[in-house]
Amino acid sequence: MKGIYCLILEIKNDVLIKVGALGKINFEKGYYVYIGSALNNLEKRIERHLAKEKRMHWHIDYLTTNTNFEIIRVFYEQTNKKKECIVAKKIIEKGIPVKSFGCSDCKCISHLVKVKEYDFIKSW
């Protein structure tokens, strides 16, 4: 199955995390939305994100393996279209992007956004 997904992450305390080549980033307590896609094996990609132990590959791995972060919800949609950047731009309108996070293969500002609430994602 191919598709797009949003991981809703909650951070309980402010924390400084080194995120690969992006360096140290200060994450404030609250909710974050990570937007990703899987052009093959959507289920396996989401399962990988939910696993706490894994080899660091993507920026999001530095958060999903950190004990301060918890994935509290996953939204996904089956699609053959690459809609990741379109959805990221819509979510950025509702929050504060974490500059350059998760978007090294596109021209987006970010694919991780700090938001006050996340229920609006149901209607992307």
N, C-alpha and C. Protein backbone atom coordinates (compact mmCIF):
# COMPACT_ATOMS: atom_id res chain seq x y z
N MET A 1 0.84 -1.18 0.00
CA MET A 1 0.00 0.00 0.00
C MET A 1 0.89 1.25 0.00
N LYS A 2 0.52 2.21 -0.82
CA LYS A 2 1.23 3.49 -0.90
C LYS A 2 0.38 4.55 -0.21
N GLY A 3 1.03 5.59 0.31
CA GLY A 3 0.23 6.63 0.93
C GLY A 3 1.02 7.71 1.63
N ILE A 4 0.27 8.52 2.34
CA ILE A 4 0.80 9.65 3.11
C ILE A 4 0.33 9.47 4.55
N TYR A 5 1.10 10.00 5.49
CA TYR A 5 0.73 9.85 6.90
C TYR A 5 1.15 11.07 7.69
N CYS A 6 0.47 11.25 8.82
CA CYS A 6 0.85 12.28 9.79
C CYS A 6 0.99 11.59 11.14
N LEU A 7 2.13 11.78 11.75
CA LEU A 7 2.35 11.30 13.11
C LEU A 7 2.09 12.46 14.06
N ILE A 8 1.27 12.23 15.06
CA ILE A 8 1.04 13.25 16.07
C ILE A 8 1.91 12.87 17.26
N LEU A 9 2.83 13.75 17.60
CA LEU A 9 3.76 13.50 18.70
C LEU A 9 3.47 14.48 19.83
N GLU A 10 3.60 13.97 21.04
CA GLU A 10 3.49 14.83 22.21
C GLU A 10 4.81 14.81 22.94
N ILE A 11 5.26 15.99 23.35
CA ILE A 11 6.46 16.09 24.16
C ILE A 11 6.04 16.64 25.52
N LYS A 12 6.45 15.93 26.55
CA LYS A 12 6.01 16.26 27.92
C LYS A 12 6.82 17.39 28.55
N ASN A 13 8.10 17.53 28.15
CA ASN A 13 8.99 18.55 28.71
C ASN A 13 9.82 19.16 27.59
N ASP A 14 10.25 20.40 27.79
CA ASP A 14 11.18 21.01 26.84
C ASP A 14 12.45 20.16 26.80
N VAL A 15 13.02 19.99 25.60
CA VAL A 15 14.21 19.16 25.48
C VAL A 15 15.04 19.63 24.29
N LEU A 16 16.35 19.52 24.43
CA LEU A 16 17.30 19.84 23.36
C LEU A 16 17.79 18.51 22.79
N ILE A 17 17.62 18.32 21.48
CA ILE A 17 17.99 17.06 20.84
C ILE A 17 18.86 17.34 19.63
N LYS A 18 19.94 16.55 19.49
CA LYS A 18 20.76 16.62 18.28
C LYS A 18 20.07 15.78 17.22
N VAL A 19 19.75 16.40 16.11
CA VAL A 19 19.03 15.74 15.02
C VAL A 19 19.94 15.67 13.81
N GLY A 20 20.74 14.63 13.75
CA GLY A 20 21.63 14.41 12.61
C GLY A 20 22.37 15.66 12.20
N ALA A 21 22.42 15.91 10.89
CA ALA A 21 23.13 17.06 10.33
C ALA A 21 22.45 18.39 10.64
N LEU A 22 21.20 18.36 11.10
CA LEU A 22 20.52 19.62 11.47
C LEU A 22 21.11 20.21 12.74
N GLY A 23 21.76 19.37 13.54
CA GLY A 23 22.36 19.84 14.78
C GLY A 23 21.37 19.83 15.93
N LYS A 24 21.66 20.60 16.98
CA LYS A 24 20.83 20.63 18.18
C LYS A 24 19.62 21.53 17.95
N ILE A 25 18.46 20.98 18.31
CA ILE A 25 17.20 21.71 18.17
C ILE A 25 16.48 21.67 19.51
N ASN A 26 15.98 22.84 19.92
CA ASN A 26 15.21 22.92 21.15
C ASN A 26 13.74 22.67 20.82
N PHE A 27 13.17 21.63 21.41
CA PHE A 27 11.76 21.30 21.22
C PHE A 27 11.02 21.68 22.49
N GLU A 28 10.00 22.53 22.32
CA GLU A 28 9.20 22.95 23.46
C GLU A 28 8.07 21.96 23.71
N LYS A 29 7.69 21.85 24.95
CA LYS A 29 6.57 21.00 25.38
C LYS A 29 5.35 21.29 24.49
N GLY A 30 4.63 20.22 24.11
CA GLY A 30 3.42 20.40 23.31
C GLY A 30 3.25 19.34 22.26
N TYR A 31 2.47 19.67 21.23
CA TYR A 31 2.16 18.73 20.15
C TYR A 31 2.89 19.10 18.87
N TYR A 32 3.30 18.07 18.15
CA TYR A 32 3.98 18.24 16.87
C TYR A 32 3.34 17.29 15.86
N VAL A 33 3.31 17.72 14.61
CA VAL A 33 2.82 16.88 13.52
C VAL A 33 3.97 16.66 12.55
N TYR A 34 4.26 15.40 12.28
CA TYR A 34 5.26 15.04 11.27
C TYR A 34 4.53 14.49 10.06
N ILE A 35 4.82 15.01 8.88
CA ILE A 35 4.17 14.60 7.65
C ILE A 35 5.15 13.79 6.82
N GLY A 36 4.75 12.59 6.44
CA GLY A 36 5.61 11.73 5.65
C GLY A 36 4.83 10.99 4.59
N SER A 37 5.56 10.28 3.74
CA SER A 37 4.91 9.47 2.72
C SER A 37 5.68 8.17 2.57
N ALA A 38 4.99 7.19 2.01
CA ALA A 38 5.63 5.91 1.71
C ALA A 38 5.08 5.47 0.36
N LEU A 39 5.94 5.46 -0.63
CA LEU A 39 5.50 5.06 -1.95
C LEU A 39 5.46 3.54 -2.09
N ASN A 40 5.92 2.85 -1.08
CA ASN A 40 5.80 1.40 -0.96
C ASN A 40 5.70 1.07 0.52
N ASN A 41 4.89 0.10 0.87
CA ASN A 41 4.80 -0.42 2.24
C ASN A 41 4.48 0.63 3.30
N LEU A 42 3.38 1.32 3.15
CA LEU A 42 2.95 2.33 4.11
C LEU A 42 2.85 1.75 5.52
N GLU A 43 2.29 0.55 5.63
CA GLU A 43 2.13 -0.06 6.95
C GLU A 43 3.48 -0.27 7.64
N LYS A 44 4.46 -0.76 6.89
CA LYS A 44 5.80 -1.00 7.45
C LYS A 44 6.47 0.30 7.86
N ARG A 45 6.27 1.37 7.09
CA ARG A 45 6.86 2.66 7.44
C ARG A 45 6.29 3.15 8.76
N ILE A 46 4.99 3.06 8.93
CA ILE A 46 4.36 3.50 10.17
C ILE A 46 4.82 2.62 11.34
N GLU A 47 4.89 1.31 11.12
CA GLU A 47 5.39 0.40 12.16
C GLU A 47 6.80 0.79 12.58
N ARG A 48 7.63 1.14 11.62
CA ARG A 48 9.01 1.53 11.92
C ARG A 48 9.03 2.77 12.81
N HIS A 49 8.19 3.75 12.47
CA HIS A 49 8.14 4.97 13.27
C HIS A 49 7.68 4.68 14.70
N LEU A 50 6.79 3.71 14.87
CA LEU A 50 6.28 3.38 16.19
C LEU A 50 7.30 2.62 17.04
N ALA A 51 8.29 1.99 16.41
CA ALA A 51 9.32 1.24 17.14
C ALA A 51 10.28 2.20 17.84
N LYS A 52 10.63 1.89 19.08
CA LYS A 52 11.55 2.76 19.84
C LYS A 52 13.02 2.49 19.50
N GLU A 53 13.34 1.28 19.10
CA GLU A 53 14.73 0.94 18.79
C GLU A 53 14.87 0.72 17.30
N LYS A 54 15.78 1.50 16.68
CA LYS A 54 16.03 1.39 15.25
C LYS A 54 17.30 2.15 14.90
N ARG A 55 17.81 1.89 13.75
CA ARG A 55 18.96 2.63 13.24
C ARG A 55 18.49 4.02 12.82
N MET A 56 19.25 5.03 13.15
CA MET A 56 18.88 6.39 12.78
C MET A 56 19.04 6.57 11.27
N HIS A 57 17.95 6.94 10.62
CA HIS A 57 17.97 7.14 9.17
C HIS A 57 17.36 8.49 8.81
N TRP A 58 16.13 8.72 9.28
CA TRP A 58 15.44 9.97 8.99
C TRP A 58 15.47 10.88 10.21
N HIS A 59 15.25 12.17 9.98
CA HIS A 59 15.21 13.14 11.09
C HIS A 59 14.23 12.70 12.16
N ILE A 60 13.07 12.19 11.77
CA ILE A 60 12.03 11.81 12.73
C ILE A 60 12.51 10.71 13.68
N ASP A 61 13.47 9.90 13.26
CA ASP A 61 13.98 8.83 14.12
C ASP A 61 14.58 9.38 15.42
N TYR A 62 15.13 10.57 15.36
CA TYR A 62 15.73 11.17 16.56
C TYR A 62 14.67 11.55 17.59
N LEU A 63 13.44 11.77 17.13
CA LEU A 63 12.35 12.08 18.06
C LEU A 63 11.64 10.81 18.53
N THR A 64 11.38 9.90 17.60
CA THR A 64 10.61 8.71 17.96
C THR A 64 11.39 7.76 18.87
N THR A 65 12.71 7.90 18.94
CA THR A 65 13.50 7.08 19.85
C THR A 65 13.79 7.81 21.17
N ASN A 66 13.42 9.06 21.26
CA ASN A 66 13.67 9.86 22.46
C ASN A 66 12.54 9.64 23.46
N THR A 67 12.88 9.40 24.71
CA THR A 67 11.88 9.10 25.74
C THR A 67 10.96 10.28 26.06
N ASN A 68 11.33 11.49 25.68
CA ASN A 68 10.49 12.66 25.92
C ASN A 68 9.33 12.76 24.93
N PHE A 69 9.44 12.06 23.79
CA PHE A 69 8.42 12.12 22.76
C PHE A 69 7.59 10.85 22.77
N GLU A 70 6.30 11.01 22.47
CA GLU A 70 5.41 9.86 22.34
C GLU A 70 4.51 10.09 21.13
N ILE A 71 4.39 9.08 20.27
CA ILE A 71 3.44 9.15 19.17
C ILE A 71 2.08 8.82 19.76
N ILE A 72 1.16 9.77 19.70
CA ILE A 72 -0.15 9.56 20.32
C ILE A 72 -1.25 9.27 19.30
N ARG A 73 -0.98 9.54 18.03
CA ARG A 73 -1.99 9.30 17.00
C ARG A 73 -1.31 9.23 15.64
N VAL A 74 -1.89 8.47 14.74
CA VAL A 74 -1.40 8.38 13.37
C VAL A 74 -2.59 8.54 12.44
N PHE A 75 -2.48 9.47 11.51
CA PHE A 75 -3.46 9.63 10.45
C PHE A 75 -2.79 9.19 9.16
N TYR A 76 -3.52 8.49 8.29
CA TYR A 76 -2.93 8.12 7.02
C TYR A 76 -3.99 8.05 5.94
N GLU A 77 -3.53 8.11 4.70
CA GLU A 77 -4.42 8.02 3.55
C GLU A 77 -3.71 7.23 2.47
N GLN A 78 -4.40 6.24 1.92
CA GLN A 78 -3.84 5.52 0.78
C GLN A 78 -3.93 6.41 -0.44
N THR A 79 -2.83 6.54 -1.16
CA THR A 79 -2.82 7.32 -2.39
C THR A 79 -1.58 6.98 -3.20
N ASN A 80 -1.71 7.10 -4.49
CA ASN A 80 -0.55 6.92 -5.39
C ASN A 80 0.10 8.26 -5.68
N LYS A 81 -0.56 9.35 -5.26
CA LYS A 81 -0.05 10.69 -5.51
C LYS A 81 0.88 11.12 -4.39
N LYS A 82 1.90 11.88 -4.74
CA LYS A 82 2.84 12.39 -3.75
C LYS A 82 2.26 13.70 -3.21
N LYS A 83 1.53 13.61 -2.08
CA LYS A 83 0.84 14.76 -1.50
C LYS A 83 1.52 15.29 -0.24
N GLU A 84 2.63 14.72 0.12
CA GLU A 84 3.32 15.06 1.37
C GLU A 84 3.57 16.56 1.50
N CYS A 85 4.09 17.18 0.46
CA CYS A 85 4.43 18.61 0.53
C CYS A 85 3.19 19.49 0.57
N ILE A 86 2.14 19.09 -0.13
CA ILE A 86 0.88 19.84 -0.11
C ILE A 86 0.30 19.84 1.30
N VAL A 87 0.29 18.67 1.94
CA VAL A 87 -0.24 18.56 3.30
C VAL A 87 0.65 19.33 4.28
N ALA A 88 1.96 19.23 4.12
CA ALA A 88 2.89 19.96 5.00
C ALA A 88 2.61 21.45 4.95
N LYS A 89 2.41 22.00 3.76
CA LYS A 89 2.14 23.45 3.62
C LYS A 89 0.85 23.84 4.32
N LYS A 90 -0.17 22.98 4.24
CA LYS A 90 -1.45 23.27 4.91
C LYS A 90 -1.28 23.25 6.43
N ILE A 91 -0.51 22.30 6.94
CA ILE A 91 -0.33 22.19 8.39
C ILE A 91 0.55 23.32 8.91
N ILE A 92 1.52 23.75 8.12
CA ILE A 92 2.36 24.89 8.52
C ILE A 92 1.52 26.13 8.77
N GLU A 93 0.43 26.28 8.02
CA GLU A 93 -0.47 27.42 8.21
C GLU A 93 -1.10 27.42 9.60
N LYS A 94 -1.16 26.26 10.25
CA LYS A 94 -1.81 26.12 11.56
C LYS A 94 -0.81 26.10 12.72
N GLY A 95 0.49 26.21 12.44
CA GLY A 95 1.45 26.10 13.53
C GLY A 95 2.79 26.71 13.22
N ILE A 96 3.81 26.21 13.90
CA ILE A 96 5.17 26.74 13.76
C ILE A 96 6.07 25.63 13.21
N PRO A 97 6.61 25.82 12.00
CA PRO A 97 7.47 24.78 11.43
C PRO A 97 8.82 24.70 12.13
N VAL A 98 9.36 23.49 12.23
CA VAL A 98 10.72 23.28 12.73
C VAL A 98 11.59 23.29 11.48
N LYS A 99 12.30 24.39 11.28
CA LYS A 99 13.01 24.66 10.03
C LYS A 99 13.86 23.49 9.53
N SER A 100 13.64 23.12 8.27
CA SER A 100 14.40 22.11 7.53
C SER A 100 14.21 20.67 8.01
N PHE A 101 13.31 20.44 8.93
CA PHE A 101 13.12 19.10 9.50
C PHE A 101 12.34 18.21 8.54
N GLY A 102 12.92 17.08 8.17
CA GLY A 102 12.23 16.07 7.37
C GLY A 102 11.98 16.43 5.93
N CYS A 103 12.66 17.43 5.43
CA CYS A 103 12.39 17.87 4.06
C CYS A 103 13.67 18.07 3.25
N SER A 104 14.66 17.25 3.48
CA SER A 104 15.92 17.40 2.75
C SER A 104 15.81 17.00 1.28
N ASP A 105 14.71 16.32 0.91
CA ASP A 105 14.54 15.91 -0.48
C ASP A 105 13.49 16.74 -1.23
N CYS A 106 13.10 17.89 -0.64
CA CYS A 106 12.14 18.78 -1.32
C CYS A 106 12.47 20.23 -0.95
N LYS A 107 11.64 21.15 -1.38
CA LYS A 107 11.89 22.57 -1.13
C LYS A 107 10.99 23.15 -0.04
N CYS A 108 10.36 22.29 0.74
CA CYS A 108 9.48 22.75 1.83
C CYS A 108 10.28 23.40 2.95
N ILE A 109 9.60 24.22 3.74
CA ILE A 109 10.20 24.81 4.93
C ILE A 109 10.47 23.72 5.96
N SER A 110 9.49 22.80 6.11
CA SER A 110 9.59 21.74 7.10
C SER A 110 8.50 20.70 6.87
N HIS A 111 8.73 19.52 7.44
CA HIS A 111 7.69 18.49 7.49
C HIS A 111 7.38 18.14 8.94
N LEU A 112 7.82 19.01 9.86
CA LEU A 112 7.49 18.88 11.28
C LEU A 112 6.99 20.24 11.75
N VAL A 113 5.80 20.23 12.35
CA VAL A 113 5.15 21.48 12.75
C VAL A 113 4.65 21.38 14.17
N LYS A 114 4.97 22.38 14.98
CA LYS A 114 4.43 22.47 16.35
C LYS A 114 3.04 23.09 16.22
N VAL A 115 2.04 22.41 16.81
CA VAL A 115 0.65 22.88 16.71
C VAL A 115 0.02 22.94 18.10
N LYS A 116 -1.03 23.75 18.23
CA LYS A 116 -1.75 23.83 19.50
C LYS A 116 -2.72 22.66 19.62
N GLU A 117 -3.35 22.29 18.51
CA GLU A 117 -4.26 21.15 18.47
C GLU A 117 -4.10 20.48 17.12
N TYR A 118 -4.61 19.27 17.00
CA TYR A 118 -4.33 18.51 15.78
C TYR A 118 -5.57 17.89 15.14
N ASP A 119 -6.75 18.13 15.68
CA ASP A 119 -7.96 17.50 15.11
C ASP A 119 -8.26 17.97 13.69
N PHE A 120 -7.76 19.12 13.29
CA PHE A 120 -8.00 19.62 11.94
C PHE A 120 -7.41 18.70 10.87
N ILE A 121 -6.48 17.83 11.23
CA ILE A 121 -5.82 16.96 10.27
C ILE A 121 -6.81 15.96 9.67
N LYS A 122 -7.83 15.59 10.41
CA LYS A 122 -8.82 14.63 9.91
C LYS A 122 -9.40 15.07 8.57
N SER A 123 -9.42 16.37 8.32
CA SER A 123 -10.06 16.90 7.11
C SER A 123 -9.06 17.35 6.06
N TRP A 124 -7.83 16.84 6.10
CA TRP A 124 -6.85 17.31 5.12
C TRP A 124 -7.36 17.01 3.74
